[in-house]
């Protein structure tokens, strides 16, 4: 099964929360959750009551949709988080934050994670001076992520620069807007990651 190719606003409405999947639109009054604060479909406005399993599943789906990860890949991240020492749920979110497409988005080099993912696939980025076109590449402390020199004049990066102020920046990354690059100062703590996910429910789901 490939990636979701239909209207992504439906995904936010399904979770009844802003997942910031569509860049500029998510910050405007055109946001699907703002216009229709209920799930899509003819039964969307009906009262919904989830079981314990249903709540766990919704949190897992929400995390997958935010980071653009397919089920098999998401399960691998969970297994890796479970293998490491520490709080499994927090490590899982930290691993997802360490993906190159997410870090590029956090640096303001993409208006959404999906756009950052596409730009990486098209070979616009480098890590520590070497071209990397794998969105799932895991970034480490000290890594320098940059737009490749011969790609900086592309119109898309001018558009991204103009829209950058809407996103804000994060403390665990150092950004050089002029050079279109940034450096990872440290791994983020859970309270620094602004994703609306209750990760312990995901841990409970995979521990059933």
N, C-alpha and C. Protein backbone atom coordinates (compact mmCIF):
# COMPACT_ATOMS: atom_id res chain seq x y z
N UNK A 1 0.84 -1.20 0.00
CA UNK A 1 0.00 0.00 0.00
C UNK A 1 0.87 1.25 0.00
N UNK A 2 0.59 2.21 -0.88
CA UNK A 2 1.37 3.43 -0.97
C UNK A 2 0.92 4.48 0.02
N UNK A 3 1.46 5.68 -0.13
CA UNK A 3 1.11 6.78 0.76
C UNK A 3 -0.29 7.31 0.45
N UNK A 4 -0.84 8.02 1.43
CA UNK A 4 -2.16 8.63 1.27
C UNK A 4 -2.09 9.70 0.18
N UNK A 5 -2.97 9.61 -0.81
CA UNK A 5 -2.93 10.56 -1.92
C UNK A 5 -4.20 11.40 -2.02
N UNK A 6 -5.15 11.22 -1.12
CA UNK A 6 -6.38 12.01 -1.14
C UNK A 6 -6.18 13.28 -0.33
N UNK A 7 -7.25 14.06 -0.16
CA UNK A 7 -7.17 15.33 0.56
C UNK A 7 -6.69 15.10 1.99
N UNK A 8 -5.55 15.70 2.34
CA UNK A 8 -4.98 15.45 3.67
C UNK A 8 -5.77 16.14 4.78
N UNK A 9 -6.57 17.15 4.43
CA UNK A 9 -7.40 17.80 5.45
C UNK A 9 -8.38 16.81 6.08
N UNK A 10 -8.75 15.80 5.34
CA UNK A 10 -9.64 14.77 5.87
C UNK A 10 -8.96 13.99 7.00
N UNK A 11 -7.65 13.85 6.91
CA UNK A 11 -6.92 13.14 7.96
C UNK A 11 -6.96 13.93 9.27
N UNK A 12 -6.76 15.24 9.18
CA UNK A 12 -6.84 16.08 10.38
C UNK A 12 -8.24 16.04 10.96
N UNK A 13 -9.25 16.12 10.10
CA UNK A 13 -10.62 16.07 10.58
C UNK A 13 -10.93 14.73 11.23
N UNK A 14 -10.36 13.66 10.68
CA UNK A 14 -10.59 12.33 11.25
C UNK A 14 -10.07 12.25 12.67
N UNK A 15 -8.94 12.91 12.93
CA UNK A 15 -8.36 12.91 14.27
C UNK A 15 -8.88 14.06 15.13
N UNK A 16 -9.67 14.95 14.52
CA UNK A 16 -10.24 16.11 15.21
C UNK A 16 -9.15 16.97 15.86
N UNK A 17 -8.05 17.12 15.13
CA UNK A 17 -6.92 17.91 15.63
C UNK A 17 -6.07 18.37 14.45
N UNK A 18 -5.40 19.51 14.61
CA UNK A 18 -4.50 19.99 13.56
C UNK A 18 -3.23 19.16 13.55
N UNK A 19 -2.95 18.54 12.43
CA UNK A 19 -1.73 17.75 12.28
C UNK A 19 -0.69 18.48 11.43
N UNK A 20 -1.05 19.66 10.93
CA UNK A 20 -0.15 20.50 10.12
C UNK A 20 0.44 19.73 8.95
N UNK A 21 -0.45 19.16 8.14
CA UNK A 21 -0.03 18.35 7.00
C UNK A 21 0.04 19.14 5.70
N UNK A 22 -0.51 20.37 5.69
CA UNK A 22 -0.63 21.09 4.42
C UNK A 22 0.00 22.48 4.43
N UNK A 23 1.02 22.67 5.25
CA UNK A 23 1.77 23.92 5.20
C UNK A 23 0.95 25.15 5.51
N UNK A 24 1.00 26.14 4.61
CA UNK A 24 0.37 27.44 4.82
C UNK A 24 -1.11 27.34 5.17
N UNK A 25 -1.82 26.43 4.53
CA UNK A 25 -3.26 26.31 4.73
C UNK A 25 -3.62 26.01 6.19
N UNK A 26 -2.76 25.29 6.87
CA UNK A 26 -3.02 24.91 8.27
C UNK A 26 -3.04 26.12 9.20
N UNK A 27 -2.39 27.21 8.78
CA UNK A 27 -2.31 28.41 9.61
C UNK A 27 -3.39 29.44 9.24
N UNK A 28 -4.25 29.09 8.30
CA UNK A 28 -5.27 30.03 7.83
C UNK A 28 -6.67 29.57 8.21
N UNK A 29 -7.65 30.41 7.89
CA UNK A 29 -9.05 30.08 8.17
C UNK A 29 -9.56 28.98 7.26
N UNK A 30 -8.77 28.60 6.24
CA UNK A 30 -9.18 27.54 5.32
C UNK A 30 -8.89 26.14 5.86
N UNK A 31 -8.24 26.07 7.02
CA UNK A 31 -7.91 24.79 7.64
C UNK A 31 -9.18 23.95 7.80
N UNK A 32 -9.11 22.68 7.41
CA UNK A 32 -10.27 21.81 7.46
C UNK A 32 -10.84 21.64 8.85
N UNK A 33 -9.96 21.59 9.87
CA UNK A 33 -10.43 21.42 11.25
C UNK A 33 -11.15 22.68 11.74
N UNK A 34 -10.72 23.85 11.27
CA UNK A 34 -11.37 25.11 11.65
C UNK A 34 -12.75 25.20 11.00
N UNK A 35 -12.84 24.81 9.74
CA UNK A 35 -14.10 24.93 9.00
C UNK A 35 -15.10 23.83 9.37
N UNK A 36 -14.59 22.64 9.63
CA UNK A 36 -15.47 21.50 9.95
C UNK A 36 -14.85 20.72 11.10
N UNK A 37 -15.20 21.06 12.31
CA UNK A 37 -14.58 20.45 13.49
C UNK A 37 -15.23 19.12 13.85
N UNK A 38 -15.35 18.25 12.85
CA UNK A 38 -15.89 16.92 13.07
C UNK A 38 -15.35 16.02 11.96
N UNK A 39 -15.33 14.70 12.18
CA UNK A 39 -14.76 13.79 11.18
C UNK A 39 -15.53 13.84 9.87
N UNK A 40 -14.88 13.49 8.74
CA UNK A 40 -15.55 13.49 7.44
C UNK A 40 -16.53 12.32 7.32
N UNK A 41 -17.39 12.39 6.33
CA UNK A 41 -18.34 11.30 6.11
C UNK A 41 -19.73 11.64 6.64
N UNK A 42 -20.73 10.87 6.20
CA UNK A 42 -22.11 11.17 6.56
C UNK A 42 -22.41 10.98 8.05
N UNK A 43 -21.57 10.19 8.73
CA UNK A 43 -21.79 9.97 10.17
C UNK A 43 -20.80 10.76 11.02
N UNK A 44 -20.12 11.70 10.38
CA UNK A 44 -19.07 12.45 11.08
C UNK A 44 -19.55 13.25 12.27
N UNK A 45 -20.79 13.76 12.20
CA UNK A 45 -21.29 14.61 13.28
C UNK A 45 -22.01 13.80 14.37
N UNK A 46 -22.06 12.49 14.20
CA UNK A 46 -22.69 11.65 15.22
C UNK A 46 -21.76 11.54 16.43
N UNK A 47 -22.34 11.33 17.58
CA UNK A 47 -21.53 11.19 18.79
C UNK A 47 -20.73 9.88 18.70
N UNK A 48 -19.43 10.00 18.98
CA UNK A 48 -18.56 8.83 18.88
C UNK A 48 -18.05 8.43 20.27
N UNK A 49 -18.08 7.15 20.54
CA UNK A 49 -17.56 6.63 21.80
C UNK A 49 -16.57 5.53 21.48
N UNK A 50 -15.31 5.76 21.87
CA UNK A 50 -14.26 4.81 21.55
C UNK A 50 -14.02 3.84 22.70
N UNK A 51 -13.69 2.62 22.35
CA UNK A 51 -13.24 1.64 23.34
C UNK A 51 -11.80 1.97 23.71
N UNK A 52 -11.24 1.26 24.67
CA UNK A 52 -9.84 1.46 25.05
C UNK A 52 -8.94 1.20 23.85
N UNK A 53 -9.23 0.12 23.13
CA UNK A 53 -8.46 -0.20 21.92
C UNK A 53 -8.61 0.90 20.88
N UNK A 54 -9.83 1.41 20.73
CA UNK A 54 -10.08 2.46 19.75
C UNK A 54 -9.26 3.71 20.03
N UNK A 55 -9.15 4.10 21.30
CA UNK A 55 -8.36 5.28 21.67
C UNK A 55 -6.88 5.05 21.39
N UNK A 56 -6.41 3.83 21.69
CA UNK A 56 -5.01 3.51 21.42
C UNK A 56 -4.72 3.55 19.92
N UNK A 57 -5.63 3.00 19.15
CA UNK A 57 -5.46 2.98 17.69
C UNK A 57 -5.44 4.38 17.11
N UNK A 58 -6.33 5.25 17.60
CA UNK A 58 -6.39 6.61 17.09
C UNK A 58 -5.08 7.36 17.36
N UNK A 59 -4.46 7.14 18.53
CA UNK A 59 -3.20 7.81 18.83
C UNK A 59 -2.09 7.33 17.91
N UNK A 60 -2.09 6.03 17.64
CA UNK A 60 -1.08 5.48 16.73
C UNK A 60 -1.25 6.04 15.32
N UNK A 61 -2.50 6.08 14.85
CA UNK A 61 -2.78 6.62 13.52
C UNK A 61 -2.42 8.10 13.43
N UNK A 62 -2.68 8.82 14.51
CA UNK A 62 -2.36 10.25 14.53
C UNK A 62 -0.85 10.46 14.39
N UNK A 63 -0.07 9.68 15.14
CA UNK A 63 1.39 9.81 15.07
C UNK A 63 1.90 9.45 13.68
N UNK A 64 1.35 8.38 13.10
CA UNK A 64 1.75 7.97 11.75
C UNK A 64 1.48 9.07 10.74
N UNK A 65 0.32 9.69 10.86
CA UNK A 65 -0.07 10.72 9.89
C UNK A 65 0.74 11.99 10.04
N UNK A 66 1.04 12.36 11.27
CA UNK A 66 1.86 13.56 11.49
C UNK A 66 3.22 13.42 10.82
N UNK A 67 3.86 12.27 11.01
CA UNK A 67 5.22 12.07 10.51
C UNK A 67 5.27 11.42 9.12
N UNK A 68 4.12 11.05 8.57
CA UNK A 68 4.09 10.49 7.23
C UNK A 68 4.76 9.13 7.14
N UNK A 69 4.51 8.27 8.12
CA UNK A 69 5.17 6.97 8.19
C UNK A 69 4.14 5.86 7.96
N UNK A 70 4.51 4.87 7.16
CA UNK A 70 3.64 3.73 6.91
C UNK A 70 3.69 2.76 8.10
N UNK A 71 2.71 1.86 8.15
CA UNK A 71 2.55 0.99 9.31
C UNK A 71 3.78 0.14 9.60
N UNK A 72 4.34 -0.52 8.60
CA UNK A 72 5.48 -1.39 8.82
C UNK A 72 6.68 -0.61 9.35
N UNK A 73 6.89 0.56 8.79
CA UNK A 73 8.01 1.39 9.22
C UNK A 73 7.79 1.90 10.64
N UNK A 74 6.55 2.28 10.94
CA UNK A 74 6.22 2.77 12.27
C UNK A 74 6.48 1.67 13.31
N UNK A 75 6.13 0.44 12.98
CA UNK A 75 6.35 -0.69 13.90
C UNK A 75 7.85 -0.89 14.15
N UNK A 76 8.67 -0.68 13.12
CA UNK A 76 10.12 -0.81 13.30
C UNK A 76 10.64 0.26 14.26
N UNK A 77 10.10 1.49 14.14
CA UNK A 77 10.50 2.54 15.07
C UNK A 77 10.13 2.15 16.50
N UNK A 78 8.95 1.55 16.66
CA UNK A 78 8.53 1.15 18.00
C UNK A 78 9.45 0.07 18.56
N UNK A 79 9.81 -0.90 17.75
CA UNK A 79 10.70 -1.97 18.21
C UNK A 79 12.05 -1.42 18.62
N UNK A 80 12.55 -0.44 17.84
CA UNK A 80 13.83 0.18 18.18
C UNK A 80 13.72 0.97 19.49
N UNK A 81 12.61 1.68 19.68
CA UNK A 81 12.39 2.44 20.91
C UNK A 81 12.27 1.51 22.11
N UNK A 82 11.61 0.38 21.92
CA UNK A 82 11.43 -0.59 22.99
C UNK A 82 12.75 -1.25 23.37
N UNK A 83 13.65 -1.36 22.40
CA UNK A 83 14.97 -1.98 22.65
C UNK A 83 15.88 -1.07 23.45
N UNK A 84 15.74 0.24 23.29
CA UNK A 84 16.62 1.19 23.96
C UNK A 84 16.22 1.40 25.42
N UNK A 85 17.17 1.86 26.22
CA UNK A 85 16.91 2.15 27.62
C UNK A 85 16.19 3.48 27.75
N UNK A 86 15.19 3.52 28.63
CA UNK A 86 14.45 4.76 28.84
C UNK A 86 12.96 4.53 28.68
N UNK A 87 12.21 5.62 28.62
CA UNK A 87 10.76 5.56 28.47
C UNK A 87 10.44 5.31 26.99
N UNK A 88 9.85 4.17 26.70
CA UNK A 88 9.65 3.74 25.30
C UNK A 88 8.88 4.76 24.48
N UNK A 89 7.79 5.30 25.03
CA UNK A 89 6.97 6.25 24.28
C UNK A 89 7.74 7.51 23.92
N UNK A 90 8.51 8.03 24.86
CA UNK A 90 9.28 9.24 24.60
C UNK A 90 10.38 8.99 23.58
N UNK A 91 11.02 7.83 23.67
CA UNK A 91 12.07 7.48 22.71
C UNK A 91 11.48 7.33 21.32
N UNK A 92 10.27 6.76 21.23
CA UNK A 92 9.59 6.62 19.94
C UNK A 92 9.38 7.97 19.27
N UNK A 93 8.85 8.94 20.03
CA UNK A 93 8.62 10.28 19.47
C UNK A 93 9.94 10.94 19.10
N UNK A 94 10.96 10.71 19.91
CA UNK A 94 12.29 11.29 19.63
C UNK A 94 12.87 10.72 18.33
N UNK A 95 12.69 9.41 18.11
CA UNK A 95 13.16 8.80 16.87
C UNK A 95 12.45 9.40 15.66
N UNK A 96 11.15 9.58 15.77
CA UNK A 96 10.38 10.17 14.67
C UNK A 96 10.82 11.60 14.41
N UNK A 97 11.14 12.34 15.47
CA UNK A 97 11.62 13.72 15.32
C UNK A 97 12.99 13.76 14.66
N UNK A 98 13.75 12.66 14.77
CA UNK A 98 15.11 12.63 14.23
C UNK A 98 15.16 12.35 12.74
N UNK A 99 14.02 12.05 12.13
CA UNK A 99 13.99 11.81 10.69
C UNK A 99 14.42 13.08 9.94
N UNK A 100 15.13 12.90 8.85
CA UNK A 100 15.62 14.04 8.09
C UNK A 100 14.49 14.92 7.58
N UNK A 101 13.38 14.33 7.12
CA UNK A 101 12.28 15.16 6.62
C UNK A 101 11.69 16.02 7.73
N UNK A 102 11.60 15.47 8.95
CA UNK A 102 11.07 16.26 10.06
C UNK A 102 12.04 17.36 10.46
N UNK A 103 13.34 17.05 10.50
CA UNK A 103 14.33 18.06 10.89
C UNK A 103 14.37 19.19 9.87
N UNK A 104 14.29 18.86 8.58
CA UNK A 104 14.24 19.90 7.54
C UNK A 104 13.02 20.79 7.74
N UNK A 105 11.89 20.17 8.08
CA UNK A 105 10.66 20.94 8.36
C UNK A 105 10.85 21.84 9.57
N UNK A 106 11.44 21.31 10.64
CA UNK A 106 11.67 22.09 11.86
C UNK A 106 12.63 23.25 11.62
N UNK A 107 13.56 23.07 10.67
CA UNK A 107 14.50 24.14 10.34
C UNK A 107 13.87 25.22 9.47
N UNK A 108 12.64 24.99 9.02
CA UNK A 108 11.99 25.95 8.14
C UNK A 108 12.39 25.79 6.70
N UNK A 109 12.90 24.61 6.32
CA UNK A 109 13.31 24.35 4.94
C UNK A 109 12.24 23.58 4.17
N UNK A 110 11.04 23.58 4.73
CA UNK A 110 9.87 22.97 4.10
C UNK A 110 8.64 23.47 4.83
N UNK A 111 7.59 23.78 4.10
CA UNK A 111 6.37 24.30 4.75
C UNK A 111 5.56 23.22 5.43
N UNK A 112 5.85 22.00 5.12
CA UNK A 112 5.21 20.86 5.76
C UNK A 112 6.20 19.69 5.70
N UNK A 113 5.94 18.67 6.49
CA UNK A 113 6.81 17.50 6.44
C UNK A 113 6.73 16.83 5.07
N UNK A 114 5.54 16.85 4.48
CA UNK A 114 5.38 16.23 3.16
C UNK A 114 6.20 16.96 2.11
N UNK A 115 6.22 18.30 2.17
CA UNK A 115 7.02 19.07 1.21
C UNK A 115 8.51 18.81 1.44
N UNK A 116 8.93 18.79 2.70
CA UNK A 116 10.33 18.51 3.00
C UNK A 116 10.72 17.12 2.49
N UNK A 117 9.81 16.16 2.65
CA UNK A 117 10.07 14.79 2.19
C UNK A 117 10.27 14.76 0.67
N UNK A 118 9.43 15.50 -0.04
CA UNK A 118 9.53 15.53 -1.49
C UNK A 118 10.83 16.18 -1.94
N UNK A 119 11.20 17.28 -1.28
CA UNK A 119 12.44 17.98 -1.65
C UNK A 119 13.66 17.10 -1.39
N UNK A 120 13.62 16.33 -0.31
CA UNK A 120 14.73 15.41 -0.02
C UNK A 120 14.79 14.32 -1.09
N UNK A 121 13.64 13.76 -1.43
CA UNK A 121 13.59 12.73 -2.48
C UNK A 121 14.17 13.23 -3.80
N UNK A 122 14.00 14.52 -4.07
CA UNK A 122 14.47 15.10 -5.32
C UNK A 122 15.93 15.54 -5.25
N UNK A 123 16.59 15.24 -4.14
CA UNK A 123 18.03 15.48 -4.06
C UNK A 123 18.44 16.90 -3.74
N UNK A 124 17.59 17.68 -3.08
CA UNK A 124 17.92 19.07 -2.79
C UNK A 124 18.74 19.26 -1.52
N UNK A 125 18.89 18.21 -0.70
CA UNK A 125 19.52 18.37 0.61
C UNK A 125 20.82 17.59 0.74
N UNK A 126 21.64 18.05 1.69
CA UNK A 126 22.86 17.35 2.05
C UNK A 126 23.00 17.34 3.56
N UNK A 127 23.69 16.34 4.07
CA UNK A 127 23.98 16.22 5.50
C UNK A 127 25.48 16.11 5.66
N UNK A 128 26.05 17.04 6.40
CA UNK A 128 27.51 17.08 6.59
C UNK A 128 28.25 17.11 5.25
N UNK A 129 27.68 17.85 4.29
CA UNK A 129 28.33 18.03 3.00
C UNK A 129 28.11 16.93 1.99
N UNK A 130 27.35 15.90 2.36
CA UNK A 130 27.10 14.78 1.44
C UNK A 130 25.62 14.71 1.10
N UNK A 131 25.30 14.53 -0.17
CA UNK A 131 23.92 14.45 -0.61
C UNK A 131 23.20 13.28 0.07
N UNK A 132 22.01 13.56 0.58
CA UNK A 132 21.17 12.52 1.17
C UNK A 132 19.77 12.68 0.60
N UNK A 133 19.24 11.62 -0.02
CA UNK A 133 17.91 11.70 -0.61
C UNK A 133 16.96 10.67 0.02
N UNK A 134 17.22 10.35 1.29
CA UNK A 134 16.39 9.39 2.02
C UNK A 134 15.69 10.14 3.16
N UNK A 135 14.39 10.39 3.06
CA UNK A 135 13.67 11.16 4.09
C UNK A 135 13.74 10.54 5.48
N UNK A 136 13.86 9.21 5.58
CA UNK A 136 13.87 8.54 6.88
C UNK A 136 15.27 8.50 7.51
N UNK A 137 16.26 9.08 6.85
CA UNK A 137 17.62 9.13 7.39
C UNK A 137 17.59 9.75 8.78
N UNK A 138 18.17 9.06 9.78
CA UNK A 138 18.13 9.55 11.16
C UNK A 138 19.31 10.48 11.44
N UNK A 139 18.96 11.68 11.87
CA UNK A 139 19.94 12.72 12.15
C UNK A 139 20.53 12.52 13.55
N UNK A 140 21.82 12.85 13.71
CA UNK A 140 22.49 12.74 15.00
C UNK A 140 22.93 14.12 15.48
N UNK A 141 23.27 14.21 16.76
CA UNK A 141 23.76 15.46 17.34
C UNK A 141 25.03 15.90 16.60
N UNK A 142 25.08 17.17 16.21
CA UNK A 142 26.24 17.71 15.50
C UNK A 142 26.10 17.72 14.00
N UNK A 143 25.12 16.99 13.46
CA UNK A 143 24.92 16.95 12.01
C UNK A 143 24.49 18.32 11.48
N UNK A 144 24.99 18.66 10.31
CA UNK A 144 24.62 19.91 9.63
C UNK A 144 23.76 19.56 8.42
N UNK A 145 22.55 20.08 8.41
CA UNK A 145 21.60 19.83 7.33
C UNK A 145 21.49 21.10 6.50
N UNK A 146 21.64 20.98 5.19
CA UNK A 146 21.63 22.18 4.35
C UNK A 146 21.04 21.89 2.98
N UNK A 147 20.53 22.96 2.37
CA UNK A 147 20.12 22.87 0.97
C UNK A 147 21.40 22.89 0.14
N UNK A 148 21.50 22.01 -0.83
CA UNK A 148 22.71 21.93 -1.65
C UNK A 148 22.94 23.25 -2.39
N UNK A 149 24.20 23.61 -2.56
CA UNK A 149 24.56 24.92 -3.10
C UNK A 149 23.92 25.20 -4.45
N UNK A 150 23.88 24.18 -5.31
CA UNK A 150 23.35 24.39 -6.66
C UNK A 150 21.82 24.34 -6.71
N UNK A 151 21.17 24.22 -5.55
CA UNK A 151 19.71 24.19 -5.50
C UNK A 151 19.10 25.38 -4.76
N UNK A 152 19.94 26.21 -4.17
CA UNK A 152 19.45 27.29 -3.31
C UNK A 152 18.65 28.36 -4.05
N UNK A 153 18.88 28.50 -5.35
CA UNK A 153 18.18 29.53 -6.12
C UNK A 153 16.86 29.04 -6.70
N UNK A 154 16.47 27.84 -6.36
CA UNK A 154 15.19 27.31 -6.84
C UNK A 154 14.03 28.16 -6.30
N UNK A 155 13.02 28.45 -7.12
CA UNK A 155 11.87 29.26 -6.68
C UNK A 155 11.19 28.70 -5.44
N UNK A 156 11.18 27.39 -5.28
CA UNK A 156 10.48 26.79 -4.14
C UNK A 156 11.09 27.25 -2.82
N UNK A 157 12.40 27.44 -2.76
CA UNK A 157 13.04 27.86 -1.51
C UNK A 157 12.78 29.34 -1.21
N UNK A 158 12.56 30.13 -2.26
CA UNK A 158 12.16 31.52 -2.03
C UNK A 158 10.77 31.56 -1.42
N UNK A 159 9.88 30.71 -1.93
CA UNK A 159 8.52 30.63 -1.38
C UNK A 159 8.53 30.13 0.06
N UNK A 160 9.37 29.15 0.33
CA UNK A 160 9.48 28.60 1.69
C UNK A 160 10.01 29.66 2.65
N UNK A 161 11.00 30.43 2.20
CA UNK A 161 11.58 31.48 3.04
C UNK A 161 10.53 32.53 3.40
N UNK A 162 9.68 32.89 2.46
CA UNK A 162 8.65 33.89 2.71
C UNK A 162 7.59 33.40 3.70
N UNK A 163 7.39 32.09 3.78
CA UNK A 163 6.37 31.53 4.67
C UNK A 163 6.95 31.05 6.00
N UNK A 164 8.25 31.21 6.20
CA UNK A 164 8.94 30.60 7.33
C UNK A 164 8.42 31.08 8.69
N UNK A 165 8.07 32.36 8.82
CA UNK A 165 7.71 32.93 10.12
C UNK A 165 6.51 32.25 10.77
N UNK A 166 5.67 31.59 10.00
CA UNK A 166 4.49 30.96 10.55
C UNK A 166 4.84 29.76 11.42
N UNK A 167 5.93 29.08 11.13
CA UNK A 167 6.28 27.86 11.84
C UNK A 167 6.95 28.11 13.18
N UNK A 168 7.84 29.09 13.25
CA UNK A 168 8.64 29.26 14.45
C UNK A 168 9.83 28.30 14.44
N UNK A 169 10.69 28.41 15.43
CA UNK A 169 11.87 27.56 15.49
C UNK A 169 11.87 26.76 16.79
N UNK A 170 12.80 25.81 16.90
CA UNK A 170 12.91 24.99 18.11
C UNK A 170 14.30 25.16 18.70
N UNK A 171 14.40 24.98 20.03
CA UNK A 171 15.65 25.27 20.74
C UNK A 171 16.75 24.24 20.49
N UNK A 172 16.36 23.03 20.05
CA UNK A 172 17.39 22.00 19.90
C UNK A 172 18.08 22.03 18.53
N UNK A 173 17.68 23.01 17.71
CA UNK A 173 18.30 23.20 16.40
C UNK A 173 18.86 24.61 16.27
N UNK A 174 19.98 24.73 15.60
CA UNK A 174 20.57 26.03 15.28
C UNK A 174 20.35 26.30 13.80
N UNK A 175 19.74 27.44 13.49
CA UNK A 175 19.35 27.72 12.10
C UNK A 175 20.11 28.91 11.55
N UNK A 176 20.58 28.78 10.32
CA UNK A 176 21.17 29.90 9.58
C UNK A 176 20.28 30.13 8.36
N UNK A 177 19.37 31.10 8.47
CA UNK A 177 18.41 31.33 7.40
C UNK A 177 19.08 31.81 6.11
N UNK A 178 20.16 32.56 6.25
CA UNK A 178 20.84 33.08 5.07
C UNK A 178 21.46 31.96 4.24
N UNK A 179 22.04 31.00 4.90
CA UNK A 179 22.71 29.90 4.20
C UNK A 179 21.79 28.72 3.93
N UNK A 180 20.53 28.81 4.40
CA UNK A 180 19.57 27.72 4.25
C UNK A 180 20.13 26.41 4.81
N UNK A 181 20.57 26.50 6.07
CA UNK A 181 21.11 25.32 6.71
C UNK A 181 20.88 25.39 8.22
N UNK A 182 21.13 24.29 8.89
CA UNK A 182 20.99 24.25 10.34
C UNK A 182 21.81 23.11 10.91
N UNK A 183 21.98 23.15 12.23
CA UNK A 183 22.77 22.13 12.92
C UNK A 183 21.99 21.60 14.10
N UNK A 184 22.15 20.29 14.37
CA UNK A 184 21.48 19.67 15.50
C UNK A 184 22.33 19.87 16.75
N UNK A 185 21.82 20.66 17.70
CA UNK A 185 22.56 20.93 18.93
C UNK A 185 22.45 19.79 19.93
N UNK A 186 21.27 19.19 19.97
CA UNK A 186 21.01 18.09 20.91
C UNK A 186 19.71 17.42 20.48
N UNK A 187 19.42 16.27 21.06
CA UNK A 187 18.15 15.62 20.81
C UNK A 187 17.06 16.30 21.63
N UNK A 188 15.86 16.44 21.10
CA UNK A 188 14.80 17.15 21.83
C UNK A 188 14.25 16.34 22.99
N UNK A 189 13.82 17.04 24.05
CA UNK A 189 13.09 16.42 25.15
C UNK A 189 11.62 16.36 24.77
N UNK A 190 10.88 15.49 25.42
CA UNK A 190 9.47 15.30 25.05
C UNK A 190 8.66 16.59 25.17
N UNK A 191 8.93 17.40 26.20
CA UNK A 191 8.14 18.62 26.38
C UNK A 191 8.49 19.70 25.35
N UNK A 192 9.51 19.44 24.52
CA UNK A 192 9.86 20.39 23.45
C UNK A 192 9.26 19.97 22.11
N UNK A 193 8.59 18.84 22.08
CA UNK A 193 8.03 18.32 20.83
C UNK A 193 6.53 18.57 20.82
N UNK A 194 6.10 19.50 19.97
CA UNK A 194 4.71 19.95 20.00
C UNK A 194 3.80 19.11 19.10
N UNK A 195 3.77 17.82 19.34
CA UNK A 195 2.86 16.97 18.58
C UNK A 195 1.76 16.49 19.53
N UNK A 196 0.49 16.58 19.11
CA UNK A 196 -0.63 16.22 19.99
C UNK A 196 -0.85 14.72 20.09
N UNK A 197 0.14 14.01 20.59
CA UNK A 197 0.08 12.55 20.67
C UNK A 197 0.29 12.10 22.11
N UNK A 198 -0.56 11.20 22.58
CA UNK A 198 -0.39 10.58 23.89
C UNK A 198 0.32 9.26 23.67
N UNK A 199 1.63 9.30 23.75
CA UNK A 199 2.44 8.16 23.29
C UNK A 199 2.29 6.91 24.16
N UNK A 200 1.90 7.06 25.43
CA UNK A 200 1.78 5.85 26.25
C UNK A 200 0.64 4.96 25.75
N UNK A 201 -0.34 5.55 25.06
CA UNK A 201 -1.41 4.74 24.48
C UNK A 201 -0.89 3.89 23.32
N UNK A 202 0.09 4.43 22.60
CA UNK A 202 0.70 3.66 21.50
C UNK A 202 1.48 2.48 22.07
N UNK A 203 2.18 2.73 23.17
CA UNK A 203 2.94 1.66 23.82
C UNK A 203 1.98 0.57 24.30
N UNK A 204 0.84 0.98 24.87
CA UNK A 204 -0.14 0.01 25.34
C UNK A 204 -0.72 -0.79 24.17
N UNK A 205 -0.90 -0.12 23.03
CA UNK A 205 -1.45 -0.81 21.85
C UNK A 205 -0.51 -1.91 21.39
N UNK A 206 0.78 -1.61 21.26
CA UNK A 206 1.74 -2.59 20.77
C UNK A 206 2.12 -3.62 21.84
N UNK A 207 1.72 -3.37 23.08
CA UNK A 207 2.03 -4.31 24.16
C UNK A 207 0.86 -5.28 24.44
N UNK A 208 -0.20 -5.17 23.65
CA UNK A 208 -1.38 -6.02 23.89
C UNK A 208 -1.06 -7.49 23.64
